[in-house]
Amino acid sequence: MKGAKDFKTMSSSDLHARLGEFKKELLKLNVQVATGANPASPGKLKQTKKNIARVLTDLQRREEA
């Protein structure tokens, strides 16, 4: 996982690509939870949601600037 500082150094197109990856990962994790299967790492769901929020926040700040 990349830290928030690493997201700030990435270009906007790279951030959009990472956002797509995080959303796909979140979808897979949500399907695992919905089917009743125990996810391999339970904290991964929360971490993925936070990463999506970090990327969206960084993109919004760039649009405002």
C-alpha atoms as a PDB file:
ATOM      1  CA  MET A   1       0.000   0.000   0.000  1.00  0.00           C
ATOM      2  CA  LYS A   2       1.184   3.476  -0.731  1.00  0.00           C
ATOM      3  CA  GLY A   3       1.027   6.105   1.953  1.00  0.00           C
ATOM      4  CA  ALA A   4      -0.809   9.379   1.667  1.00  0.00           C
ATOM      5  CA  LYS A   5       2.465  11.165   0.951  1.00  0.00           C
ATOM      6  CA  ASP A   6       3.041   8.917  -2.047  1.00  0.00           C
ATOM      7  CA  PHE A   7      -0.386   9.784  -3.428  1.00  0.00           C
ATOM      8  CA  LYS A   8       0.525  13.462  -3.398  1.00  0.00           C
ATOM      9  CA  THR A   9       3.520  12.847  -5.652  1.00  0.00           C
ATOM     10  CA  MET A  10       1.567  10.826  -8.223  1.00  0.00           C
ATOM     11  CA  SER A  11       0.080  12.390 -11.340  1.00  0.00           C
ATOM     12  CA  SER A  12      -3.675  12.776 -11.719  1.00  0.00           C
ATOM     13  CA  SER A  13      -3.900  10.028 -14.329  1.00  0.00           C
ATOM     14  CA  ASP A  14      -2.019   7.647 -12.029  1.00  0.00           C
ATOM     15  CA  LEU A  15      -4.395   8.537  -9.204  1.00  0.00           C
ATOM     16  CA  HIS A  16      -7.407   7.770 -11.383  1.00  0.00           C
ATOM     17  CA  ALA A  17      -5.852   4.399 -12.239  1.00  0.00           C
ATOM     18  CA  ARG A  18      -5.204   3.619  -8.570  1.00  0.00           C
ATOM     19  CA  LEU A  19      -8.768   4.654  -7.736  1.00  0.00           C
ATOM     20  CA  GLY A  20     -10.068   2.125 -10.245  1.00  0.00           C
ATOM     21  CA  GLU A  21      -7.885  -0.586  -8.730  1.00  0.00           C
ATOM     22  CA  PHE A  22      -9.064   0.214  -5.213  1.00  0.00           C
ATOM     23  CA  LYS A  23     -12.717   0.168  -6.301  1.00  0.00           C
ATOM     24  CA  LYS A  24     -12.284  -3.250  -7.943  1.00  0.00           C
ATOM     25  CA  GLU A  25     -10.613  -4.563  -4.808  1.00  0.00           C
ATOM     26  CA  LEU A  26     -13.432  -3.168  -2.652  1.00  0.00           C
ATOM     27  CA  LEU A  27     -16.002  -4.855  -4.880  1.00  0.00           C
ATOM     28  CA  LYS A  28     -14.256  -8.221  -4.474  1.00  0.00           C
ATOM     29  CA  LEU A  29     -14.097  -7.804  -0.704  1.00  0.00           C
ATOM     30  CA  ASN A  30     -17.777  -6.812  -0.516  1.00  0.00           C
ATOM     31  CA  VAL A  31     -18.730  -9.912  -2.512  1.00  0.00           C
ATOM     32  CA  GLN A  32     -16.780 -12.088  -0.069  1.00  0.00           C
ATOM     33  CA  VAL A  33     -18.602 -10.533   2.870  1.00  0.00           C
ATOM     34  CA  ALA A  34     -22.008 -10.791   1.176  1.00  0.00           C
ATOM     35  CA  THR A  35     -21.572 -14.488   0.382  1.00  0.00           C
ATOM     36  CA  GLY A  36     -20.708 -15.219   3.984  1.00  0.00           C
ATOM     37  CA  ALA A  37     -17.145 -16.272   3.308  1.00  0.00           C
ATOM     38  CA  ASN A  38     -14.554 -15.149   5.798  1.00  0.00           C
ATOM     39  CA  PRO A  39     -12.169 -12.706   4.123  1.00  0.00           C
ATOM     40  CA  ALA A  40      -8.475 -13.591   4.263  1.00  0.00           C
ATOM     41  CA  SER A  41      -7.674 -10.318   6.012  1.00  0.00           C
ATOM     42  CA  PRO A  42     -10.623  -8.630   7.716  1.00  0.00           C
ATOM     43  CA  GLY A  43      -8.855  -5.256   8.032  1.00  0.00           C
ATOM     44  CA  LYS A  44      -8.355  -5.047   4.277  1.00  0.00           C
ATOM     45  CA  LEU A  45     -11.937  -3.823   3.730  1.00  0.00           C
ATOM     46  CA  LYS A  46     -11.508  -0.826   6.029  1.00  0.00           C
ATOM     47  CA  GLN A  47      -8.042  -0.087   4.654  1.00  0.00           C
ATOM     48  CA  THR A  48      -9.319  -0.124   1.070  1.00  0.00           C
ATOM     49  CA  LYS A  49     -12.137   2.296   1.911  1.00  0.00           C
ATOM     50  CA  LYS A  50      -9.638   4.663   3.529  1.00  0.00           C
ATOM     51  CA  ASN A  51      -7.357   4.492   0.497  1.00  0.00           C
ATOM     52  CA  ILE A  52     -10.260   5.384  -1.787  1.00  0.00           C
ATOM     53  CA  ALA A  53     -11.056   8.367   0.425  1.00  0.00           C
ATOM     54  CA  ARG A  54      -7.408   9.475   0.388  1.00  0.00           C
ATOM     55  CA  VAL A  55      -7.224   9.346  -3.406  1.00  0.00           C
ATOM     56  CA  LEU A  56     -10.529  11.181  -3.831  1.00  0.00           C
ATOM     57  CA  THR A  57      -9.440  13.868  -1.355  1.00  0.00           C
ATOM     58  CA  ASP A  58      -6.158  14.382  -3.178  1.00  0.00           C
ATOM     59  CA  LEU A  59      -7.924  14.602  -6.553  1.00  0.00           C
ATOM     60  CA  GLN A  60     -10.400  17.139  -5.177  1.00  0.00           C
ATOM     61  CA  ARG A  61      -7.603  19.287  -3.782  1.00  0.00           C
ATOM     62  CA  ARG A  62      -5.905  19.272  -7.169  1.00  0.00           C
ATOM     63  CA  GLU A  63      -9.097  20.398  -8.907  1.00  0.00           C
ATOM     64  CA  GLU A  64      -9.501  23.294  -6.459  1.00  0.00           C
ATOM     65  CA  ALA A  65      -5.933  24.496  -6.987  1.00  0.00           C
END
